[in-house]
N, C-alpha and C. Protein backbone atom coordinates (compact mmCIF):
# COMPACT_ATOMS: atom_id res chain seq x y z
N MET A 1 -18.68 -55.12 102.64
CA MET A 1 -19.97 -54.91 103.25
C MET A 1 -21.07 -55.42 102.32
N SER A 2 -21.81 -56.42 102.79
CA SER A 2 -22.83 -57.00 101.94
C SER A 2 -24.14 -56.23 102.02
N GLY A 3 -24.49 -55.76 103.23
CA GLY A 3 -25.76 -55.09 103.41
C GLY A 3 -26.93 -56.05 103.42
N THR A 4 -26.70 -57.36 103.26
CA THR A 4 -27.74 -58.36 103.27
C THR A 4 -27.92 -58.89 104.69
N SER A 5 -29.15 -58.91 105.18
CA SER A 5 -29.38 -59.31 106.57
C SER A 5 -29.02 -60.77 106.79
N ASN A 6 -28.34 -61.05 107.91
CA ASN A 6 -28.01 -62.42 108.28
C ASN A 6 -28.99 -62.97 109.32
N GLY A 7 -30.03 -62.21 109.62
CA GLY A 7 -31.04 -62.65 110.56
C GLY A 7 -30.69 -62.39 112.01
N LYS A 8 -29.50 -61.83 112.27
CA LYS A 8 -29.07 -61.53 113.63
C LYS A 8 -29.19 -60.03 113.90
N ALA A 9 -29.22 -59.68 115.17
CA ALA A 9 -29.40 -58.28 115.54
C ALA A 9 -28.40 -57.88 116.61
N VAL A 10 -28.07 -56.60 116.64
CA VAL A 10 -27.19 -56.04 117.67
C VAL A 10 -27.80 -54.74 118.18
N ILE A 11 -27.86 -54.62 119.49
CA ILE A 11 -28.33 -53.40 120.13
C ILE A 11 -27.12 -52.56 120.51
N VAL A 12 -27.09 -51.32 120.07
CA VAL A 12 -25.95 -50.42 120.27
C VAL A 12 -26.22 -49.51 121.46
N CYS A 13 -25.30 -49.51 122.43
CA CYS A 13 -25.42 -48.68 123.63
C CYS A 13 -24.36 -47.58 123.59
N PRO A 14 -24.73 -46.36 123.22
CA PRO A 14 -23.75 -45.27 123.18
C PRO A 14 -23.23 -44.95 124.58
N GLY A 15 -22.05 -44.33 124.61
CA GLY A 15 -21.51 -43.87 125.88
C GLY A 15 -22.00 -42.48 126.23
N GLY A 16 -21.43 -41.95 127.32
CA GLY A 16 -21.82 -40.62 127.76
C GLY A 16 -21.83 -40.49 129.27
N ALA A 17 -21.08 -41.36 129.97
CA ALA A 17 -20.90 -41.27 131.42
C ALA A 17 -22.21 -41.44 132.19
N TYR A 18 -23.18 -42.09 131.59
CA TYR A 18 -24.53 -42.21 132.18
C TYR A 18 -25.15 -40.84 132.43
N ALA A 19 -24.62 -39.82 131.76
CA ALA A 19 -25.13 -38.46 131.91
C ALA A 19 -25.82 -37.98 130.64
N MET A 20 -25.30 -38.44 129.48
CA MET A 20 -25.87 -38.10 128.18
C MET A 20 -25.53 -39.23 127.24
N LEU A 21 -25.93 -39.12 125.98
CA LEU A 21 -25.67 -40.16 125.00
C LEU A 21 -24.92 -39.60 123.80
N ALA A 22 -23.78 -40.22 123.47
CA ALA A 22 -23.04 -39.86 122.25
C ALA A 22 -23.71 -40.57 121.08
N TYR A 23 -24.89 -40.10 120.74
CA TYR A 23 -25.81 -40.85 119.87
C TYR A 23 -25.29 -41.01 118.44
N GLN A 24 -24.59 -40.00 117.94
CA GLN A 24 -24.09 -40.09 116.57
C GLN A 24 -22.81 -40.93 116.49
N LYS A 25 -21.78 -40.52 117.23
CA LYS A 25 -20.48 -41.17 117.13
C LYS A 25 -20.49 -42.60 117.62
N GLU A 26 -21.20 -42.86 118.73
CA GLU A 26 -21.20 -44.20 119.33
C GLU A 26 -22.55 -44.89 119.20
N GLY A 27 -23.38 -44.34 118.32
CA GLY A 27 -24.69 -44.92 118.09
C GLY A 27 -24.97 -45.14 116.62
N GLN A 28 -25.33 -44.08 115.93
CA GLN A 28 -25.73 -44.21 114.52
C GLN A 28 -24.58 -44.68 113.63
N GLU A 29 -23.38 -44.18 113.87
CA GLU A 29 -22.24 -44.61 113.04
C GLU A 29 -21.94 -46.09 113.25
N ILE A 30 -22.11 -46.56 114.47
CA ILE A 30 -21.88 -47.97 114.77
C ILE A 30 -22.97 -48.82 114.12
N ALA A 31 -24.20 -48.35 114.17
CA ALA A 31 -25.31 -49.09 113.56
C ALA A 31 -25.10 -49.22 112.06
N GLN A 32 -24.60 -48.18 111.42
CA GLN A 32 -24.34 -48.25 109.98
C GLN A 32 -23.27 -49.29 109.67
N TRP A 33 -22.23 -49.34 110.49
CA TRP A 33 -21.18 -50.35 110.31
C TRP A 33 -21.73 -51.75 110.47
N LEU A 34 -22.53 -51.97 111.49
CA LEU A 34 -23.12 -53.29 111.73
C LEU A 34 -24.04 -53.69 110.58
N ALA A 35 -24.83 -52.74 110.09
CA ALA A 35 -25.72 -53.05 108.97
C ALA A 35 -24.92 -53.50 107.76
N GLY A 36 -23.74 -52.90 107.57
CA GLY A 36 -22.88 -53.31 106.47
C GLY A 36 -22.35 -54.72 106.62
N GLN A 37 -22.34 -55.22 107.87
CA GLN A 37 -21.90 -56.60 108.13
C GLN A 37 -23.07 -57.58 108.09
N GLY A 38 -24.27 -57.08 107.82
CA GLY A 38 -25.43 -57.95 107.71
C GLY A 38 -26.31 -58.02 108.94
N TYR A 39 -26.00 -57.24 109.98
CA TYR A 39 -26.78 -57.27 111.21
C TYR A 39 -27.88 -56.21 111.19
N ASN A 40 -29.02 -56.55 111.76
CA ASN A 40 -30.04 -55.55 112.04
C ASN A 40 -29.61 -54.81 113.30
N ALA A 41 -29.38 -53.53 113.20
CA ALA A 41 -28.82 -52.77 114.31
C ALA A 41 -29.83 -51.78 114.87
N TYR A 42 -29.86 -51.67 116.19
CA TYR A 42 -30.78 -50.78 116.88
C TYR A 42 -30.00 -49.95 117.88
N VAL A 43 -30.11 -48.63 117.82
CA VAL A 43 -29.43 -47.75 118.76
C VAL A 43 -30.35 -47.53 119.96
N LEU A 44 -29.87 -47.84 121.14
CA LEU A 44 -30.68 -47.76 122.35
C LEU A 44 -30.54 -46.39 123.01
N ALA A 45 -31.64 -45.67 123.08
CA ALA A 45 -31.68 -44.39 123.78
C ALA A 45 -32.09 -44.66 125.23
N TYR A 46 -31.16 -45.22 126.00
CA TYR A 46 -31.48 -45.58 127.38
C TYR A 46 -31.54 -44.33 128.26
N ARG A 47 -32.17 -44.50 129.41
CA ARG A 47 -32.46 -43.36 130.26
C ARG A 47 -31.21 -42.76 130.92
N VAL A 48 -31.08 -41.47 130.79
CA VAL A 48 -30.06 -40.66 131.43
C VAL A 48 -30.76 -39.36 131.88
N PRO A 49 -30.15 -38.59 132.80
CA PRO A 49 -28.85 -38.81 133.45
C PRO A 49 -28.97 -39.62 134.74
N ASN A 50 -27.86 -40.26 135.07
CA ASN A 50 -27.66 -40.89 136.38
C ASN A 50 -28.81 -41.83 136.76
N ASN A 51 -29.14 -42.72 135.83
CA ASN A 51 -30.23 -43.66 136.08
C ASN A 51 -29.79 -45.06 135.63
N ARG A 52 -28.87 -45.65 136.37
CA ARG A 52 -28.31 -46.94 135.97
C ARG A 52 -29.37 -48.04 135.99
N LEU A 53 -30.28 -48.00 136.96
CA LEU A 53 -31.34 -49.00 136.98
C LEU A 53 -32.23 -48.85 135.76
N GLY A 54 -32.63 -47.63 135.45
CA GLY A 54 -33.45 -47.40 134.26
C GLY A 54 -32.75 -47.84 133.00
N ALA A 55 -31.43 -47.61 132.92
CA ALA A 55 -30.67 -48.03 131.74
C ALA A 55 -30.67 -49.54 131.61
N LEU A 56 -30.50 -50.26 132.73
CA LEU A 56 -30.52 -51.73 132.68
C LEU A 56 -31.90 -52.23 132.29
N GLN A 57 -32.93 -51.62 132.82
CA GLN A 57 -34.29 -52.00 132.42
C GLN A 57 -34.49 -51.79 130.92
N ASP A 58 -33.97 -50.70 130.42
CA ASP A 58 -34.13 -50.38 129.00
C ASP A 58 -33.43 -51.41 128.12
N VAL A 59 -32.20 -51.80 128.47
CA VAL A 59 -31.48 -52.74 127.61
C VAL A 59 -32.07 -54.14 127.71
N GLN A 60 -32.51 -54.55 128.90
CA GLN A 60 -33.14 -55.86 129.02
C GLN A 60 -34.44 -55.92 128.22
N ARG A 61 -35.23 -54.86 128.30
CA ARG A 61 -36.47 -54.80 127.53
C ARG A 61 -36.18 -54.79 126.03
N ALA A 62 -35.14 -54.06 125.62
CA ALA A 62 -34.79 -53.97 124.20
C ALA A 62 -34.37 -55.33 123.66
N ILE A 63 -33.57 -56.08 124.43
CA ILE A 63 -33.15 -57.40 123.97
C ILE A 63 -34.37 -58.28 123.73
N ARG A 64 -35.31 -58.25 124.65
CA ARG A 64 -36.52 -59.05 124.51
C ARG A 64 -37.36 -58.58 123.32
N ALA A 65 -37.49 -57.27 123.17
CA ALA A 65 -38.30 -56.74 122.08
C ALA A 65 -37.72 -57.12 120.72
N VAL A 66 -36.40 -57.01 120.59
CA VAL A 66 -35.76 -57.37 119.32
C VAL A 66 -35.89 -58.88 119.08
N ARG A 67 -35.73 -59.66 120.14
CA ARG A 67 -35.89 -61.11 119.99
C ARG A 67 -37.31 -61.46 119.53
N SER A 68 -38.30 -60.70 119.99
CA SER A 68 -39.68 -60.97 119.61
C SER A 68 -39.94 -60.72 118.13
N LEU A 69 -39.04 -59.98 117.48
CA LEU A 69 -39.17 -59.70 116.05
C LEU A 69 -38.65 -60.84 115.18
N GLY A 70 -38.06 -61.85 115.81
CA GLY A 70 -37.62 -63.03 115.08
C GLY A 70 -36.13 -63.13 114.83
N ALA A 71 -35.33 -62.27 115.47
CA ALA A 71 -33.88 -62.36 115.29
C ALA A 71 -33.38 -63.71 115.78
N THR A 72 -32.50 -64.33 115.01
CA THR A 72 -31.95 -65.63 115.40
C THR A 72 -30.96 -65.50 116.55
N GLN A 73 -30.28 -64.37 116.63
CA GLN A 73 -29.41 -64.04 117.75
C GLN A 73 -29.53 -62.55 118.02
N VAL A 74 -29.36 -62.18 119.29
CA VAL A 74 -29.36 -60.77 119.67
C VAL A 74 -28.12 -60.50 120.50
N GLY A 75 -27.25 -59.62 120.01
CA GLY A 75 -26.06 -59.22 120.74
C GLY A 75 -26.15 -57.77 121.17
N VAL A 76 -25.19 -57.34 121.97
CA VAL A 76 -25.12 -55.94 122.39
C VAL A 76 -23.70 -55.44 122.18
N ILE A 77 -23.56 -54.16 121.90
CA ILE A 77 -22.26 -53.51 121.83
C ILE A 77 -22.38 -52.18 122.55
N GLY A 78 -21.35 -51.85 123.33
CA GLY A 78 -21.40 -50.61 124.07
C GLY A 78 -20.05 -49.93 124.16
N PHE A 79 -20.09 -48.63 124.37
CA PHE A 79 -18.90 -47.78 124.40
C PHE A 79 -18.88 -47.00 125.71
N SER A 80 -17.74 -47.05 126.41
CA SER A 80 -17.57 -46.32 127.66
C SER A 80 -18.69 -46.71 128.65
N ALA A 81 -19.54 -45.77 129.06
CA ALA A 81 -20.66 -46.14 129.93
C ALA A 81 -21.58 -47.13 129.25
N GLY A 82 -21.70 -47.02 127.93
CA GLY A 82 -22.48 -48.00 127.18
C GLY A 82 -21.85 -49.37 127.23
N GLY A 83 -20.51 -49.41 127.35
CA GLY A 83 -19.82 -50.68 127.53
C GLY A 83 -20.12 -51.27 128.89
N SER A 84 -20.22 -50.41 129.90
CA SER A 84 -20.67 -50.85 131.22
C SER A 84 -22.07 -51.43 131.13
N LEU A 85 -22.96 -50.75 130.43
CA LEU A 85 -24.34 -51.22 130.30
C LEU A 85 -24.41 -52.54 129.53
N ALA A 86 -23.64 -52.66 128.46
CA ALA A 86 -23.62 -53.91 127.70
C ALA A 86 -23.11 -55.06 128.56
N CYS A 87 -22.11 -54.79 129.41
CA CYS A 87 -21.59 -55.81 130.30
C CYS A 87 -22.62 -56.17 131.36
N ARG A 88 -23.33 -55.20 131.85
CA ARG A 88 -24.38 -55.48 132.84
C ARG A 88 -25.49 -56.32 132.21
N ALA A 89 -25.80 -56.06 130.95
CA ALA A 89 -26.80 -56.89 130.26
C ALA A 89 -26.32 -58.33 130.15
N ALA A 90 -25.02 -58.50 129.89
CA ALA A 90 -24.46 -59.83 129.70
C ALA A 90 -24.29 -60.60 131.01
N THR A 91 -24.29 -59.89 132.14
CA THR A 91 -24.01 -60.55 133.42
C THR A 91 -25.16 -60.46 134.41
N ASN A 92 -26.29 -59.86 134.00
CA ASN A 92 -27.45 -59.74 134.89
C ASN A 92 -28.71 -60.34 134.30
N TRP A 93 -28.57 -61.12 133.23
CA TRP A 93 -29.75 -61.63 132.55
C TRP A 93 -30.55 -62.61 133.40
N GLU A 94 -29.91 -63.22 134.39
CA GLU A 94 -30.63 -64.13 135.29
C GLU A 94 -31.47 -63.38 136.32
N ASN A 95 -31.28 -62.07 136.39
CA ASN A 95 -31.98 -61.24 137.38
C ASN A 95 -32.71 -60.10 136.68
N PRO A 96 -33.90 -60.36 136.14
CA PRO A 96 -34.65 -59.31 135.44
C PRO A 96 -34.85 -58.09 136.34
N SER A 97 -34.70 -56.92 135.75
CA SER A 97 -34.68 -55.69 136.53
C SER A 97 -36.04 -55.00 136.62
N TYR A 98 -37.06 -55.56 135.96
CA TYR A 98 -38.39 -54.93 136.00
C TYR A 98 -39.46 -56.02 135.99
N GLU A 99 -40.65 -55.65 136.44
CA GLU A 99 -41.76 -56.59 136.47
C GLU A 99 -42.32 -56.80 135.07
N LEU A 100 -42.87 -57.99 134.85
CA LEU A 100 -43.45 -58.33 133.56
C LEU A 100 -44.50 -57.31 133.15
N VAL A 101 -44.37 -56.84 131.92
CA VAL A 101 -45.31 -55.85 131.38
C VAL A 101 -46.15 -56.46 130.27
N ASP A 102 -45.50 -57.22 129.41
CA ASP A 102 -46.13 -57.78 128.22
C ASP A 102 -45.75 -59.25 128.11
N LYS A 103 -46.73 -60.15 128.19
CA LYS A 103 -46.43 -61.58 128.18
C LYS A 103 -45.77 -62.01 126.88
N LYS A 104 -46.05 -61.33 125.79
CA LYS A 104 -45.47 -61.70 124.50
C LYS A 104 -43.98 -61.42 124.46
N ILE A 105 -43.57 -60.32 125.10
CA ILE A 105 -42.17 -59.89 125.05
C ILE A 105 -41.40 -60.27 126.31
N ASP A 106 -41.97 -60.01 127.46
CA ASP A 106 -41.21 -60.11 128.71
C ASP A 106 -41.03 -61.52 129.22
N THR A 107 -41.61 -62.51 128.56
CA THR A 107 -41.32 -63.90 128.90
C THR A 107 -40.14 -64.45 128.08
N LEU A 108 -39.65 -63.65 127.13
CA LEU A 108 -38.49 -64.05 126.33
C LEU A 108 -37.21 -63.79 127.11
N SER A 109 -36.13 -64.46 126.73
CA SER A 109 -34.86 -64.31 127.43
C SER A 109 -34.26 -62.92 127.18
N CYS A 110 -33.69 -62.34 128.23
CA CYS A 110 -32.95 -61.08 128.08
C CYS A 110 -31.45 -61.33 128.08
N ARG A 111 -31.04 -62.59 127.93
CA ARG A 111 -29.62 -62.91 127.84
C ARG A 111 -29.12 -62.61 126.43
N PRO A 112 -28.19 -61.68 126.27
CA PRO A 112 -27.62 -61.47 124.94
C PRO A 112 -26.81 -62.67 124.50
N ASP A 113 -26.78 -62.95 123.21
CA ASP A 113 -26.00 -64.08 122.71
C ASP A 113 -24.51 -63.77 122.68
N PHE A 114 -24.17 -62.49 122.64
CA PHE A 114 -22.77 -62.06 122.69
C PHE A 114 -22.75 -60.59 123.04
N ALA A 115 -21.59 -60.11 123.49
CA ALA A 115 -21.47 -58.69 123.84
C ALA A 115 -20.09 -58.19 123.44
N MET A 116 -20.06 -56.95 122.96
CA MET A 116 -18.81 -56.29 122.59
C MET A 116 -18.67 -55.03 123.43
N LEU A 117 -17.58 -54.94 124.16
CA LEU A 117 -17.32 -53.82 125.06
C LEU A 117 -16.14 -53.03 124.51
N ILE A 118 -16.40 -51.83 124.04
CA ILE A 118 -15.36 -51.00 123.43
C ILE A 118 -15.03 -49.84 124.38
N TYR A 119 -13.78 -49.72 124.74
CA TYR A 119 -13.28 -48.84 125.82
C TYR A 119 -14.31 -48.74 126.96
N PRO A 120 -14.64 -49.90 127.57
CA PRO A 120 -15.67 -49.90 128.61
C PRO A 120 -15.22 -49.18 129.88
N ALA A 121 -16.17 -48.61 130.57
CA ALA A 121 -15.92 -47.91 131.83
C ALA A 121 -16.68 -48.60 132.96
N TYR A 122 -16.25 -48.31 134.19
CA TYR A 122 -17.00 -48.67 135.41
C TYR A 122 -17.11 -50.17 135.67
N LEU A 123 -16.20 -50.97 135.13
CA LEU A 123 -16.25 -52.41 135.41
C LEU A 123 -15.42 -52.77 136.64
N ASP A 124 -14.72 -51.80 137.20
CA ASP A 124 -13.78 -52.05 138.30
C ASP A 124 -14.16 -51.25 139.54
N GLU A 125 -15.44 -51.11 139.79
CA GLU A 125 -15.89 -50.28 140.92
C GLU A 125 -15.99 -51.05 142.23
N GLY A 126 -15.56 -52.31 142.23
CA GLY A 126 -15.52 -53.07 143.47
C GLY A 126 -14.39 -52.60 144.37
N GLU A 127 -14.31 -53.17 145.56
CA GLU A 127 -13.28 -52.79 146.52
C GLU A 127 -11.89 -53.02 145.94
N ASN A 128 -11.03 -52.02 146.06
CA ASN A 128 -9.64 -52.09 145.58
C ASN A 128 -9.57 -52.39 144.08
N GLY A 129 -10.50 -51.85 143.32
CA GLY A 129 -10.46 -51.99 141.86
C GLY A 129 -10.91 -53.34 141.35
N THR A 130 -11.61 -54.09 142.17
CA THR A 130 -12.11 -55.40 141.74
C THR A 130 -13.41 -55.22 140.93
N LEU A 131 -13.95 -56.35 140.47
CA LEU A 131 -15.14 -56.32 139.63
C LEU A 131 -16.30 -55.62 140.33
N SER A 132 -16.97 -54.75 139.59
CA SER A 132 -18.12 -54.02 140.13
C SER A 132 -19.16 -54.99 140.66
N GLU A 133 -19.79 -54.63 141.77
CA GLU A 133 -20.72 -55.52 142.45
C GLU A 133 -21.95 -55.84 141.61
N ASP A 134 -22.27 -55.00 140.64
CA ASP A 134 -23.46 -55.25 139.82
C ASP A 134 -23.16 -56.13 138.60
N LEU A 135 -21.97 -56.67 138.51
CA LEU A 135 -21.59 -57.58 137.43
C LEU A 135 -21.45 -58.99 138.02
N HIS A 136 -22.19 -59.94 137.45
CA HIS A 136 -22.25 -61.29 138.01
C HIS A 136 -21.77 -62.28 136.95
N VAL A 137 -20.48 -62.47 136.89
CA VAL A 137 -19.86 -63.31 135.88
C VAL A 137 -19.87 -64.77 136.32
N ASN A 138 -20.29 -65.66 135.43
CA ASN A 138 -20.22 -67.10 135.69
C ASN A 138 -20.02 -67.83 134.37
N GLU A 139 -20.05 -69.15 134.39
CA GLU A 139 -19.77 -69.92 133.18
C GLU A 139 -20.85 -69.76 132.11
N GLN A 140 -22.01 -69.20 132.49
CA GLN A 140 -23.09 -68.97 131.54
C GLN A 140 -23.04 -67.57 130.91
N THR A 141 -22.09 -66.77 131.31
CA THR A 141 -21.95 -65.43 130.72
C THR A 141 -21.65 -65.58 129.23
N PRO A 142 -22.37 -64.86 128.38
CA PRO A 142 -22.14 -65.00 126.93
C PRO A 142 -20.75 -64.53 126.52
N PRO A 143 -20.30 -64.93 125.33
CA PRO A 143 -18.97 -64.53 124.86
C PRO A 143 -18.80 -63.01 124.81
N LEU A 144 -17.65 -62.55 125.25
CA LEU A 144 -17.34 -61.12 125.25
C LEU A 144 -16.18 -60.83 124.32
N PHE A 145 -16.30 -59.72 123.58
CA PHE A 145 -15.19 -59.12 122.84
C PHE A 145 -14.91 -57.80 123.53
N VAL A 146 -13.68 -57.60 123.96
CA VAL A 146 -13.34 -56.40 124.73
C VAL A 146 -12.15 -55.71 124.09
N PHE A 147 -12.25 -54.39 123.96
CA PHE A 147 -11.16 -53.61 123.37
C PHE A 147 -10.92 -52.37 124.22
N GLY A 148 -9.67 -52.15 124.58
CA GLY A 148 -9.32 -50.96 125.34
C GLY A 148 -7.84 -50.68 125.25
N THR A 149 -7.40 -49.63 125.95
CA THR A 149 -5.99 -49.23 125.89
C THR A 149 -5.47 -48.88 127.28
N GLU A 150 -4.19 -49.15 127.46
CA GLU A 150 -3.55 -48.94 128.77
C GLU A 150 -3.54 -47.47 129.16
N ASP A 151 -3.41 -46.58 128.17
CA ASP A 151 -3.34 -45.15 128.52
C ASP A 151 -4.71 -44.54 128.82
N ASP A 152 -5.76 -45.32 128.69
CA ASP A 152 -7.09 -44.88 129.11
C ASP A 152 -7.22 -45.21 130.59
N VAL A 153 -6.43 -44.50 131.41
CA VAL A 153 -6.19 -44.91 132.79
C VAL A 153 -7.42 -44.80 133.69
N LYS A 154 -8.38 -43.97 133.31
CA LYS A 154 -9.56 -43.78 134.16
C LYS A 154 -10.67 -44.78 133.84
N TYR A 155 -10.69 -45.26 132.60
CA TYR A 155 -11.83 -46.08 132.16
C TYR A 155 -11.40 -47.47 131.68
N SER A 156 -11.11 -47.61 130.38
CA SER A 156 -10.92 -48.96 129.86
C SER A 156 -9.64 -49.62 130.32
N GLY A 157 -8.62 -48.84 130.70
CA GLY A 157 -7.39 -49.45 131.16
C GLY A 157 -7.64 -50.44 132.29
N PRO A 158 -8.14 -49.99 133.42
CA PRO A 158 -8.41 -50.93 134.52
C PRO A 158 -9.63 -51.83 134.27
N SER A 159 -10.64 -51.33 133.58
CA SER A 159 -11.85 -52.13 133.36
C SER A 159 -11.56 -53.38 132.55
N CYS A 160 -10.71 -53.26 131.52
CA CYS A 160 -10.39 -54.40 130.67
C CYS A 160 -9.70 -55.50 131.46
N LYS A 161 -8.74 -55.12 132.29
CA LYS A 161 -8.03 -56.11 133.09
C LYS A 161 -8.97 -56.80 134.07
N THR A 162 -9.87 -56.04 134.64
CA THR A 162 -10.78 -56.59 135.65
C THR A 162 -11.75 -57.59 135.05
N ILE A 163 -12.36 -57.26 133.92
CA ILE A 163 -13.33 -58.18 133.32
C ILE A 163 -12.62 -59.40 132.75
N MET A 164 -11.41 -59.23 132.25
CA MET A 164 -10.65 -60.36 131.75
C MET A 164 -10.39 -61.37 132.88
N LYS A 165 -9.96 -60.89 134.02
CA LYS A 165 -9.67 -61.76 135.16
C LYS A 165 -10.93 -62.50 135.60
N ALA A 166 -12.05 -61.78 135.68
CA ALA A 166 -13.30 -62.39 136.13
C ALA A 166 -13.78 -63.46 135.17
N MET A 167 -13.70 -63.19 133.88
CA MET A 167 -14.15 -64.15 132.87
C MET A 167 -13.26 -65.39 132.88
N GLN A 168 -11.97 -65.20 132.99
CA GLN A 168 -11.05 -66.34 133.02
C GLN A 168 -11.31 -67.22 134.24
N GLU A 169 -11.51 -66.59 135.39
CA GLU A 169 -11.76 -67.35 136.61
C GLU A 169 -13.07 -68.14 136.53
N ALA A 170 -14.06 -67.60 135.79
CA ALA A 170 -15.35 -68.27 135.64
C ALA A 170 -15.34 -69.30 134.53
N GLY A 171 -14.30 -69.31 133.72
CA GLY A 171 -14.26 -70.21 132.58
C GLY A 171 -15.20 -69.79 131.48
N ALA A 172 -15.46 -68.49 131.37
CA ALA A 172 -16.35 -67.95 130.35
C ALA A 172 -15.53 -67.39 129.19
N PRO A 173 -16.05 -67.43 127.97
CA PRO A 173 -15.27 -67.04 126.79
C PRO A 173 -15.11 -65.52 126.65
N ILE A 174 -13.87 -65.10 126.44
CA ILE A 174 -13.59 -63.68 126.25
C ILE A 174 -12.42 -63.53 125.30
N GLU A 175 -12.49 -62.51 124.45
CA GLU A 175 -11.35 -62.12 123.61
C GLU A 175 -11.04 -60.66 123.93
N LEU A 176 -9.85 -60.42 124.45
CA LEU A 176 -9.44 -59.07 124.84
C LEU A 176 -8.34 -58.56 123.93
N HIS A 177 -8.51 -57.34 123.43
CA HIS A 177 -7.47 -56.64 122.70
C HIS A 177 -7.13 -55.38 123.50
N TYR A 178 -5.89 -55.31 123.96
CA TYR A 178 -5.47 -54.28 124.91
C TYR A 178 -4.21 -53.62 124.37
N LEU A 179 -4.36 -52.42 123.82
CA LEU A 179 -3.25 -51.71 123.22
C LEU A 179 -2.58 -50.78 124.23
N THR A 180 -1.37 -50.38 123.92
CA THR A 180 -0.65 -49.46 124.79
C THR A 180 -1.25 -48.07 124.74
N LYS A 181 -1.56 -47.59 123.52
CA LYS A 181 -2.06 -46.24 123.36
C LYS A 181 -3.35 -46.22 122.54
N GLY A 182 -4.15 -45.20 122.79
CA GLY A 182 -5.40 -45.05 122.05
C GLY A 182 -6.37 -44.09 122.70
N GLY A 183 -6.24 -43.95 124.02
CA GLY A 183 -7.11 -43.00 124.71
C GLY A 183 -8.54 -43.51 124.86
N HIS A 184 -9.46 -42.57 124.73
CA HIS A 184 -10.86 -42.86 125.03
C HIS A 184 -11.76 -42.06 124.10
N GLY A 185 -12.91 -42.62 123.77
CA GLY A 185 -13.94 -41.87 123.07
C GLY A 185 -13.73 -41.71 121.58
N TYR A 186 -12.98 -42.60 120.94
CA TYR A 186 -12.65 -42.43 119.53
C TYR A 186 -13.71 -43.00 118.59
N GLY A 187 -14.63 -43.79 119.09
CA GLY A 187 -15.64 -44.36 118.21
C GLY A 187 -15.00 -45.16 117.08
N MET A 188 -15.36 -44.82 115.85
CA MET A 188 -14.74 -45.44 114.68
C MET A 188 -13.99 -44.40 113.84
N ARG A 189 -13.66 -43.27 114.44
CA ARG A 189 -13.23 -42.12 113.64
C ARG A 189 -11.72 -41.99 113.45
N SER A 190 -10.91 -42.47 114.39
CA SER A 190 -9.47 -42.25 114.25
C SER A 190 -8.72 -43.19 115.16
N GLY A 191 -7.41 -43.32 114.92
CA GLY A 191 -6.54 -44.08 115.81
C GLY A 191 -7.03 -45.48 116.06
N ALA A 192 -7.19 -45.82 117.34
CA ALA A 192 -7.66 -47.15 117.72
C ALA A 192 -9.05 -47.44 117.18
N GLY A 193 -9.78 -46.39 116.87
CA GLY A 193 -11.12 -46.56 116.31
C GLY A 193 -11.12 -47.14 114.91
N LEU A 194 -9.95 -47.17 114.27
CA LEU A 194 -9.84 -47.79 112.96
C LEU A 194 -9.40 -49.25 113.08
N ILE A 195 -8.97 -49.64 114.27
CA ILE A 195 -8.44 -50.99 114.49
C ILE A 195 -9.49 -51.94 115.01
N TRP A 196 -10.23 -51.51 116.06
CA TRP A 196 -11.13 -52.46 116.71
C TRP A 196 -12.22 -53.00 115.79
N PRO A 197 -12.77 -52.21 114.83
CA PRO A 197 -13.81 -52.80 113.98
C PRO A 197 -13.32 -53.99 113.17
N LEU A 198 -12.08 -53.94 112.70
CA LEU A 198 -11.54 -55.07 111.94
C LEU A 198 -11.42 -56.31 112.82
N LEU A 199 -10.97 -56.12 114.05
CA LEU A 199 -10.85 -57.23 114.99
C LEU A 199 -12.22 -57.77 115.37
N ALA A 200 -13.18 -56.86 115.55
CA ALA A 200 -14.54 -57.29 115.91
C ALA A 200 -15.20 -58.05 114.78
N GLU A 201 -14.97 -57.63 113.55
CA GLU A 201 -15.55 -58.33 112.41
C GLU A 201 -15.03 -59.77 112.35
N GLU A 202 -13.74 -59.95 112.59
CA GLU A 202 -13.16 -61.29 112.59
C GLU A 202 -13.75 -62.13 113.71
N TRP A 203 -13.91 -61.53 114.88
CA TRP A 203 -14.49 -62.23 116.03
C TRP A 203 -15.93 -62.65 115.75
N LEU A 204 -16.69 -61.75 115.15
CA LEU A 204 -18.09 -62.07 114.84
C LEU A 204 -18.18 -63.21 113.81
N ARG A 205 -17.27 -63.20 112.85
CA ARG A 205 -17.26 -64.30 111.88
C ARG A 205 -16.96 -65.63 112.57
N GLY A 206 -16.07 -65.59 113.57
CA GLY A 206 -15.74 -66.79 114.31
C GLY A 206 -16.92 -67.33 115.10
N LEU A 207 -17.76 -66.43 115.63
CA LEU A 207 -18.94 -66.87 116.35
C LEU A 207 -19.92 -67.60 115.44
N ALA A 208 -19.93 -67.20 114.17
CA ALA A 208 -20.88 -67.76 113.22
C ALA A 208 -20.46 -69.13 112.72
N GLU A 209 -19.21 -69.49 112.91
CA GLU A 209 -18.70 -70.76 112.38
C GLU A 209 -19.13 -71.95 113.24
């Protein structure tokens, strides 16, 4: 961990089922890890409960606000519902969710340069478990790093397979790590939570090359 800024930024979207925010485990702890990798990290306190539109508005505005500070790249990382939000940010940037408020900020792009989805939820809410209707994957979708486990049967298990299929069909870049066991909600604290950060660090280094 260098702790020296590389000029890039990452917005952290904690999980919490769109009902609350796991601000410490999936927010502050993640920001500390990112800072150790040289990224300027920002934990997003997006609107809850049950306000998906407000959450999308918050992340789009945050991407623009961070970009206005001079970051050379702005990425997003999300966990569970936060993974859903990070994916929505990566696939809805062509459709701004709110009216222009500030010409200095809101004229900047809300397209993240990359997104990391860790045990993401709600990506398979389409008919018969297909891609959720609010996700619009195409060849311009930014690179995705996705991590989940098969035994997370309610959330990342099906979501990982669904986003992988959609990205492949669109010809968009994705790296998926899909383990047999690991469950859900581990953050960086135990089990699979000790594995994905190492894989993500390698992926991030590859983006920089």
